[in-house]
């Protein structure tokens, strides 16, 4: 479980560097593709993932408006992995294992895995497009390897001014990345002809974080209300 330990302790490096380090990335796009291909194979096997025609239709439509050099692939899955995977260092969101499959998993390079249970809650194509567009946003904005970079910074040696709470530091970065992926997704949905407010409807279905419930206090996901407010502002700015 070394990768889990790194995820928890890397927050110290993240906090010590300040907000400017949020976009630091040690990985090239080519390296992202190589990483993503290897880890996607792991997840396909571990999650019993498979191609799904609904996701393919939605993903193909969205990708017509994406120009960034990543090679995307889309999978659905029905079960969770029973064993820890190396891929979890690079999977985004950072706390996807604790979310009970309420978020698609985005890997560097373009591997996107959508839980079947989440697809069942998004019967309309607009809602499914919102889920996929948000995951595409994480890939295009390179959040998986930015997360891995924060981990590598700490793993390469001790840093000064260590934050007193190592979990919250990294999660603050991860939450900022969630807002960024939401903004990207709203624009992508609009450009593709899907309803950008479908993203709001999806986020409204997410549970609030709490200490004893389904989401951890230190979550990679902000509470739904601030995300919805930010999406509303982004949609207004599009006009």
Protein backbone atom coordinates (compact mmCIF):
# COMPACT_ATOMS: atom_id res chain seq x y z
CA UNK A 1 0.00 0.00 0.00
CA UNK A 2 2.99 2.31 -0.52
CA UNK A 3 1.05 4.36 -3.05
CA UNK A 4 -1.68 5.11 -0.49
CA UNK A 5 0.95 6.25 2.02
CA UNK A 6 2.47 8.51 -0.60
CA UNK A 7 -0.90 10.02 -1.40
CA UNK A 8 -1.41 10.90 2.24
CA UNK A 9 2.09 12.26 2.91
CA UNK A 10 2.54 14.11 -0.38
CA UNK A 11 0.24 16.82 0.92
CA UNK A 12 3.16 18.15 2.95
CA UNK A 13 5.10 18.90 -0.22
CA UNK A 14 2.03 20.36 -1.86
CA UNK A 15 1.36 22.78 0.99
CA UNK A 16 5.00 23.75 1.33
CA UNK A 17 5.22 24.81 -2.30
CA UNK A 18 2.17 27.04 -2.30
CA UNK A 19 -0.48 27.48 -4.98
CA UNK A 20 2.05 28.06 -7.78
CA UNK A 21 3.04 24.40 -7.65
CA UNK A 22 -0.49 23.30 -8.52
CA UNK A 23 0.43 23.20 -12.21
CA UNK A 24 3.92 21.70 -11.84
CA UNK A 25 4.30 18.60 -13.96
CA UNK A 26 7.38 16.38 -14.37
CA UNK A 27 5.76 14.34 -17.17
CA UNK A 28 5.61 15.04 -20.90
CA UNK A 29 2.45 14.25 -22.87
CA UNK A 30 4.30 11.33 -24.47
CA UNK A 31 5.19 9.98 -21.03
CA UNK A 32 1.57 10.39 -19.98
CA UNK A 33 0.46 8.25 -22.91
CA UNK A 34 2.95 5.52 -22.02
CA UNK A 35 1.90 5.55 -18.36
CA UNK A 36 -1.75 5.57 -19.23
CA UNK A 37 -1.49 2.63 -21.59
CA UNK A 38 0.21 0.49 -18.94
CA UNK A 39 -2.15 1.41 -16.15
CA UNK A 40 -5.24 1.14 -18.35
CA UNK A 41 -4.37 -2.51 -18.97
CA UNK A 42 -4.16 -3.07 -15.22
CA UNK A 43 -7.55 -1.48 -14.63
CA UNK A 44 -9.24 -3.27 -17.53
CA UNK A 45 -8.26 -6.56 -15.95
CA UNK A 46 -8.80 -5.65 -12.31
CA UNK A 47 -12.14 -3.89 -12.83
CA UNK A 48 -13.40 -6.28 -15.50
CA UNK A 49 -13.87 -3.23 -17.69
CA UNK A 50 -15.35 -3.40 -21.17
CA UNK A 51 -16.31 -1.19 -24.08
CA UNK A 52 -19.80 0.28 -24.02
CA UNK A 53 -21.65 1.69 -27.05
CA UNK A 54 -23.30 4.53 -25.09
CA UNK A 55 -19.97 5.81 -23.81
CA UNK A 56 -18.43 5.42 -27.25
CA UNK A 57 -21.14 7.57 -28.84
CA UNK A 58 -20.84 10.27 -26.20
CA UNK A 59 -17.04 10.16 -26.11
CA UNK A 60 -16.71 10.38 -29.89
CA UNK A 61 -18.99 13.43 -29.97
CA UNK A 62 -17.03 15.20 -27.24
CA UNK A 63 -13.64 14.38 -28.71
CA UNK A 64 -14.58 16.12 -31.95
CA UNK A 65 -14.04 19.33 -29.96
CA UNK A 66 -10.89 18.27 -28.08
CA UNK A 67 -7.50 19.17 -29.56
CA UNK A 68 -4.67 18.25 -27.23
CA UNK A 69 -2.75 15.19 -28.43
CA UNK A 70 -4.05 12.63 -25.94
CA UNK A 71 -5.39 9.30 -27.14
CA UNK A 72 -8.66 8.63 -25.34
CA UNK A 73 -10.29 5.29 -24.65
CA UNK A 74 -13.55 4.71 -22.79
CA UNK A 75 -14.60 1.76 -20.64
CA UNK A 76 -17.49 0.76 -18.40
CA UNK A 77 -17.09 -1.52 -15.42
CA UNK A 78 -19.32 -3.32 -12.95
CA UNK A 79 -17.05 -4.22 -10.06
CA UNK A 80 -14.24 -2.73 -8.02
CA UNK A 81 -10.74 -4.08 -7.75
CA UNK A 82 -10.12 -6.26 -4.70
CA UNK A 83 -6.38 -5.56 -4.52
CA UNK A 84 -4.38 -2.32 -4.46
CA UNK A 85 -3.16 -1.20 -7.87
CA UNK A 86 -0.09 0.82 -8.79
CA UNK A 87 -2.41 2.78 -11.06
CA UNK A 88 -4.07 4.45 -8.11
CA UNK A 89 -1.13 6.86 -7.83
CA UNK A 90 -2.04 8.21 -11.25
CA UNK A 91 -5.81 7.76 -11.17
CA UNK A 92 -7.89 10.87 -10.66
CA UNK A 93 -9.80 11.74 -8.51
CA UNK A 94 -7.24 10.94 -5.84
CA UNK A 95 -9.78 9.41 -3.47
CA UNK A 96 -11.77 7.46 -6.05
CA UNK A 97 -11.57 4.27 -3.98
CA UNK A 98 -13.62 5.88 -1.19
CA UNK A 99 -16.27 7.43 -3.45
CA UNK A 100 -18.31 4.29 -3.99
CA UNK A 101 -18.06 4.69 -7.75
CA UNK A 102 -19.74 8.07 -7.99
CA UNK A 103 -17.03 9.44 -10.26
CA UNK A 104 -15.43 8.26 -13.46
CA UNK A 105 -11.75 7.32 -13.15
CA UNK A 106 -9.40 9.32 -15.39
CA UNK A 107 -5.90 8.05 -16.17
CA UNK A 108 -3.03 10.00 -17.75
CA UNK A 109 -3.06 9.86 -21.51
CA UNK A 110 -6.81 9.43 -21.87
CA UNK A 111 -8.04 6.21 -20.26
CA UNK A 112 -11.50 6.86 -18.80
CA UNK A 113 -13.44 4.27 -16.78
CA UNK A 114 -17.10 4.88 -15.99
CA UNK A 115 -18.81 2.73 -13.33
CA UNK A 116 -21.96 1.03 -14.57
CA UNK A 117 -23.88 2.08 -11.46
CA UNK A 118 -23.15 5.70 -12.33
CA UNK A 119 -24.30 5.20 -15.91
CA UNK A 120 -27.61 3.88 -14.61
CA UNK A 121 -28.10 7.18 -12.78
CA UNK A 122 -27.49 9.06 -16.05
CA UNK A 123 -30.07 7.58 -18.45
CA UNK A 124 -30.02 10.64 -20.77
CA UNK A 125 -27.10 11.27 -23.08
CA UNK A 126 -26.62 14.80 -21.71
CA UNK A 127 -26.01 13.49 -18.19
CA UNK A 128 -23.63 10.79 -19.38
CA UNK A 129 -21.85 13.36 -21.52
CA UNK A 130 -21.40 15.55 -18.43
CA UNK A 131 -19.71 12.69 -16.55
CA UNK A 132 -17.42 11.88 -19.47
CA UNK A 133 -16.63 15.54 -20.23
CA UNK A 134 -15.54 16.11 -16.64
CA UNK A 135 -13.20 13.11 -16.85
CA UNK A 136 -11.84 14.37 -20.18
CA UNK A 137 -11.16 17.69 -18.47
CA UNK A 138 -8.94 15.99 -15.89
CA UNK A 139 -6.93 14.36 -18.68
CA UNK A 140 -6.60 17.45 -20.88
CA UNK A 141 -5.63 19.60 -17.89
CA UNK A 142 -3.15 16.86 -16.91
CA UNK A 143 -4.34 16.45 -13.34
CA UNK A 144 -3.29 12.77 -12.94
CA UNK A 145 0.38 13.51 -13.60
CA UNK A 146 0.25 16.76 -11.64
CA UNK A 147 -0.86 14.62 -8.71
CA UNK A 148 1.97 12.18 -9.39
CA UNK A 149 4.42 15.09 -9.55
CA UNK A 150 3.40 16.27 -6.10
CA UNK A 151 4.01 12.76 -4.83
CA UNK A 152 7.42 12.60 -6.51
CA UNK A 153 8.48 15.92 -4.99
CA UNK A 154 8.09 14.51 -1.51
CA UNK A 155 9.42 11.07 -2.41
CA UNK A 156 12.69 12.61 -3.62
CA UNK A 157 13.55 14.06 -0.24
CA UNK A 158 12.36 16.01 2.82
CA UNK A 159 11.03 19.52 2.38
CA UNK A 160 10.88 22.47 4.81
CA UNK A 161 7.74 23.99 6.28
CA UNK A 162 5.83 20.74 6.40
CA UNK A 163 2.10 21.23 6.79
CA UNK A 164 0.66 20.03 10.12
CA UNK A 165 -2.08 18.09 8.33
CA UNK A 166 -0.64 16.13 5.38
CA UNK A 167 -4.00 15.01 4.03
CA UNK A 168 -5.67 18.40 3.72
CA UNK A 169 -2.79 19.99 1.80
CA UNK A 170 -2.95 17.65 -1.16
CA UNK A 171 -6.74 17.58 -1.09
CA UNK A 172 -6.82 21.37 -1.46
CA UNK A 173 -4.95 20.99 -4.73
CA UNK A 174 -7.22 18.15 -5.79
CA UNK A 175 -10.31 20.23 -5.06
CA UNK A 176 -8.95 23.08 -7.19
CA UNK A 177 -8.48 20.58 -10.00
CA UNK A 178 -12.13 19.53 -9.62
CA UNK A 179 -13.29 23.11 -10.18
CA UNK A 180 -11.01 23.37 -13.21
CA UNK A 181 -12.36 20.13 -14.70
CA UNK A 182 -15.92 21.37 -14.12
CA UNK A 183 -15.20 24.59 -16.04
CA UNK A 184 -13.59 22.65 -18.86
CA UNK A 185 -16.50 20.21 -19.00
CA UNK A 186 -19.14 22.95 -19.08
CA UNK A 187 -17.44 24.60 -22.07
CA UNK A 188 -16.94 21.26 -23.84
CA UNK A 189 -20.58 20.32 -23.36
CA UNK A 190 -21.73 23.63 -24.78
CA UNK A 191 -19.38 23.42 -27.77
CA UNK A 192 -20.52 19.86 -28.52
CA UNK A 193 -24.24 20.69 -28.32
CA UNK A 194 -24.96 18.94 -25.03
CA UNK A 195 -26.69 20.75 -22.17
CA UNK A 196 -23.95 22.15 -19.89
CA UNK A 197 -26.45 22.25 -17.02
CA UNK A 198 -26.43 18.46 -17.09
CA UNK A 199 -23.15 18.80 -15.22
CA UNK A 200 -25.01 20.61 -12.43
CA UNK A 201 -27.63 17.88 -12.28
CA UNK A 202 -24.93 15.25 -11.95
CA UNK A 203 -23.12 17.13 -9.19
CA UNK A 204 -26.38 17.70 -7.34
CA UNK A 205 -26.70 13.93 -7.05
CA UNK A 206 -23.38 13.64 -5.20
CA UNK A 207 -23.44 13.30 -1.40
CA UNK A 208 -22.04 15.99 0.84
CA UNK A 209 -18.72 15.06 2.53
CA UNK A 210 -19.07 14.00 6.13
CA UNK A 211 -17.01 12.16 8.71
CA UNK A 212 -19.20 9.08 9.02
CA UNK A 213 -20.87 8.85 5.63
CA UNK A 214 -19.94 7.89 2.13
CA UNK A 215 -17.29 10.53 1.49
CA UNK A 216 -14.24 11.43 3.59
CA UNK A 217 -13.80 14.80 5.31
CA UNK A 218 -10.56 15.32 3.37
CA UNK A 219 -11.98 14.58 -0.04
CA UNK A 220 -10.65 15.37 -3.50
CA UNK A 221 -14.16 16.67 -4.19
CA UNK A 222 -15.51 19.99 -2.91
CA UNK A 223 -19.09 20.01 -1.62
CA UNK A 224 -21.65 20.13 -4.46
CA UNK A 225 -22.98 23.64 -3.82
CA UNK A 226 -19.76 25.60 -4.51
CA UNK A 227 -19.18 23.52 -7.64
CA UNK A 228 -22.67 24.24 -8.93
CA UNK A 229 -22.25 27.96 -8.24
CA UNK A 230 -18.97 27.98 -10.16
CA UNK A 231 -20.55 26.15 -13.11
CA UNK A 232 -23.44 28.64 -13.15
CA UNK A 233 -20.92 31.47 -13.38
CA UNK A 234 -18.99 29.71 -16.13
CA UNK A 235 -22.16 29.14 -18.18
CA UNK A 236 -23.12 32.81 -17.75
CA UNK A 237 -19.66 33.84 -18.99
CA UNK A 238 -20.11 31.75 -22.16
CA UNK A 239 -22.97 33.95 -23.35
